[in-house]
Amino acid sequence: MSASQFAAFAARTAEPTVMLRRFLALDALVTGANALAYLVAAGPLARLLGVGSGLLLELGLVLAVYAGAVGWLASRGRPAVLPVRAVIEVNLAWAVLSCVALALWLTPSTAGAVWAVLQAAVVAGFAALQYVSLKARQLIIE
């Protein structure tokens, strides 16, 4: 199942809290998979992407912790607003910083540059889906 098919499946509900939890869970799943890849295959991925393996290991550790926290939040029956907002803001910051790092600090391979832009777009997409779901939930409460 592709990510877009999964996102469409996750959204198939009229209940905003369920949508929010599903988008948080999808975020945790994708982030965790990315973290695992960086931790297990840092060397080969570093060569492919044109970045240092140390950077990938550090990112893998950070992403693993973040994925665990987002997964825990997704497991709550009704995720609290402030932590969800924090996830949305961290996702937006990650997307922006990925592009800034690409423009100012990193000199990756072509594959690395494409990967940086694609993952930034995916993370920004998660932020947008989570924001819309959170807003929909708040409108129902008001």
Protein backbone atom coordinates (compact mmCIF):
# COMPACT_ATOMS: atom_id res chain seq x y z
CA MET A 1 0.00 0.00 0.00
CA SER A 2 1.47 3.34 -1.03
CA ALA A 3 1.66 6.31 1.33
CA SER A 4 -1.06 8.15 -0.60
CA GLN A 5 -3.36 5.11 -0.46
CA PHE A 6 -2.72 4.79 3.26
CA ALA A 7 -3.43 8.49 3.81
CA ALA A 8 -6.71 8.16 1.91
CA PHE A 9 -7.61 5.12 4.02
CA ALA A 10 -6.63 6.91 7.22
CA ALA A 11 -8.89 9.84 6.36
CA ARG A 12 -11.98 7.68 5.73
CA THR A 13 -13.84 8.81 8.77
CA ALA A 14 -16.05 11.71 9.69
CA GLU A 15 -14.57 11.77 13.20
CA PRO A 16 -11.77 14.36 13.37
CA THR A 17 -10.17 12.77 16.45
CA VAL A 18 -9.83 9.47 14.59
CA MET A 19 -8.37 11.27 11.58
CA LEU A 20 -5.91 13.11 13.79
CA ARG A 21 -4.81 9.92 15.53
CA ARG A 22 -4.37 8.14 12.19
CA PHE A 23 -2.29 10.97 10.71
CA LEU A 24 -0.15 11.05 13.85
CA ALA A 25 0.29 7.27 13.63
CA LEU A 26 1.24 7.49 9.94
CA ASP A 27 3.75 10.21 10.80
CA ALA A 28 5.24 8.01 13.54
CA LEU A 29 5.39 5.01 11.21
CA VAL A 30 7.13 6.85 8.37
CA THR A 31 9.48 8.69 10.74
CA GLY A 32 10.32 5.43 12.53
CA ALA A 33 11.07 3.68 9.24
CA ASN A 34 13.31 6.56 8.21
CA ALA A 35 15.08 6.46 11.59
CA LEU A 36 15.61 2.71 11.30
CA ALA A 37 17.06 3.06 7.80
CA TYR A 38 19.45 5.79 8.96
CA LEU A 39 20.56 3.71 11.95
CA VAL A 40 20.92 0.38 10.17
CA ALA A 41 22.29 1.52 6.82
CA ALA A 42 24.04 4.81 7.60
CA GLY A 43 27.12 3.97 5.54
CA PRO A 44 25.45 2.96 2.27
CA LEU A 45 22.83 5.71 2.57
CA ALA A 46 25.53 8.30 3.29
CA ARG A 47 27.33 7.33 0.09
CA LEU A 48 24.10 7.40 -1.93
CA LEU A 49 22.91 10.72 -0.51
CA GLY A 50 26.32 12.38 -0.40
CA VAL A 51 26.24 13.25 3.31
CA GLY A 52 28.23 12.03 6.30
CA SER A 53 27.29 8.75 7.95
CA GLY A 54 27.69 10.42 11.35
CA LEU A 55 24.99 12.91 10.41
CA LEU A 56 22.66 10.09 9.41
CA LEU A 57 23.31 8.23 12.66
CA GLU A 58 22.56 11.35 14.69
CA LEU A 59 19.42 12.05 12.68
CA GLY A 60 18.40 8.41 13.07
CA LEU A 61 18.61 8.65 16.85
CA VAL A 62 16.65 11.92 16.95
CA LEU A 63 14.03 10.57 14.56
CA ALA A 64 13.65 7.34 16.55
CA VAL A 65 12.89 9.28 19.73
CA TYR A 66 10.55 11.62 17.87
CA ALA A 67 8.73 8.73 16.20
CA GLY A 68 8.24 7.09 19.59
CA ALA A 69 6.81 10.30 21.06
CA VAL A 70 4.46 10.86 18.11
CA GLY A 71 3.41 7.21 18.21
CA TRP A 72 2.64 7.51 21.91
CA LEU A 73 0.58 10.65 21.22
CA ALA A 74 -1.31 8.82 18.47
CA SER A 75 -2.15 6.04 20.93
CA ARG A 76 -4.05 8.41 23.23
CA GLY A 77 -7.82 8.26 22.90
CA ARG A 78 -7.96 12.03 22.54
CA PRO A 79 -4.53 13.56 21.94
CA ALA A 80 -4.03 16.81 23.85
CA VAL A 81 -4.00 19.99 21.78
CA LEU A 82 -0.63 21.38 22.92
CA PRO A 83 1.42 18.27 22.14
CA VAL A 84 -0.32 17.97 18.76
CA ARG A 85 0.51 21.59 18.01
CA ALA A 86 4.11 20.87 19.01
CA VAL A 87 4.22 17.96 16.53
CA ILE A 88 2.81 20.20 13.78
CA GLU A 89 5.35 22.94 14.55
CA VAL A 90 8.27 20.51 14.72
CA ASN A 91 7.21 19.01 11.39
CA LEU A 92 7.04 22.47 9.80
CA ALA A 93 10.41 23.40 11.28
CA TRP A 94 11.91 20.15 9.98
CA ALA A 95 10.59 20.83 6.48
CA VAL A 96 11.93 24.40 6.44
CA LEU A 97 15.29 23.48 7.97
CA SER A 98 15.73 20.64 5.48
CA CYS A 99 15.46 23.13 2.63
CA VAL A 100 17.65 25.71 4.39
CA ALA A 101 20.31 23.07 5.11
CA LEU A 102 20.22 22.03 1.48
CA ALA A 103 20.66 25.62 0.33
CA LEU A 104 23.24 26.76 2.89
CA TRP A 105 25.15 23.90 4.51
CA LEU A 106 24.90 20.58 2.75
CA THR A 107 26.36 19.60 -0.60
CA PRO A 108 24.65 16.28 -1.20
CA SER A 109 24.58 14.18 -4.33
CA THR A 110 21.69 14.62 -6.74
CA ALA A 111 19.91 11.75 -4.98
CA GLY A 112 20.51 13.46 -1.64
CA ALA A 113 19.12 16.78 -2.87
CA VAL A 114 16.02 15.08 -4.27
CA TRP A 115 15.62 13.09 -1.05
CA ALA A 116 15.88 16.24 1.09
CA VAL A 117 13.17 18.02 -0.89
CA LEU A 118 10.89 14.98 -1.03
CA GLN A 119 11.12 14.24 2.68
CA ALA A 120 10.55 17.92 3.47
CA ALA A 121 7.39 17.82 1.34
CA VAL A 122 6.15 14.66 3.07
CA VAL A 123 6.77 16.10 6.53
CA ALA A 124 5.04 19.37 5.57
CA GLY A 125 2.15 17.25 4.29
CA PHE A 126 1.89 15.49 7.65
CA ALA A 127 1.81 18.88 9.36
CA ALA A 128 -0.99 20.07 7.08
CA LEU A 129 -3.07 16.92 7.58
CA GLN A 130 -2.58 17.06 11.34
CA TYR A 131 -3.46 20.76 11.44
CA VAL A 132 -6.66 20.28 9.43
CA SER A 133 -7.69 17.34 11.62
CA LEU A 134 -6.97 19.28 14.81
CA LYS A 135 -8.94 22.29 13.58
CA ALA A 136 -11.87 20.07 12.58
CA ARG A 137 -11.87 18.52 16.05
CA GLN A 138 -11.82 21.95 17.69
CA LEU A 139 -14.74 23.16 15.54
CA ILE A 140 -16.86 20.24 16.69
CA ILE A 141 -16.07 21.00 20.34
CA GLU A 142 -16.96 24.70 20.05
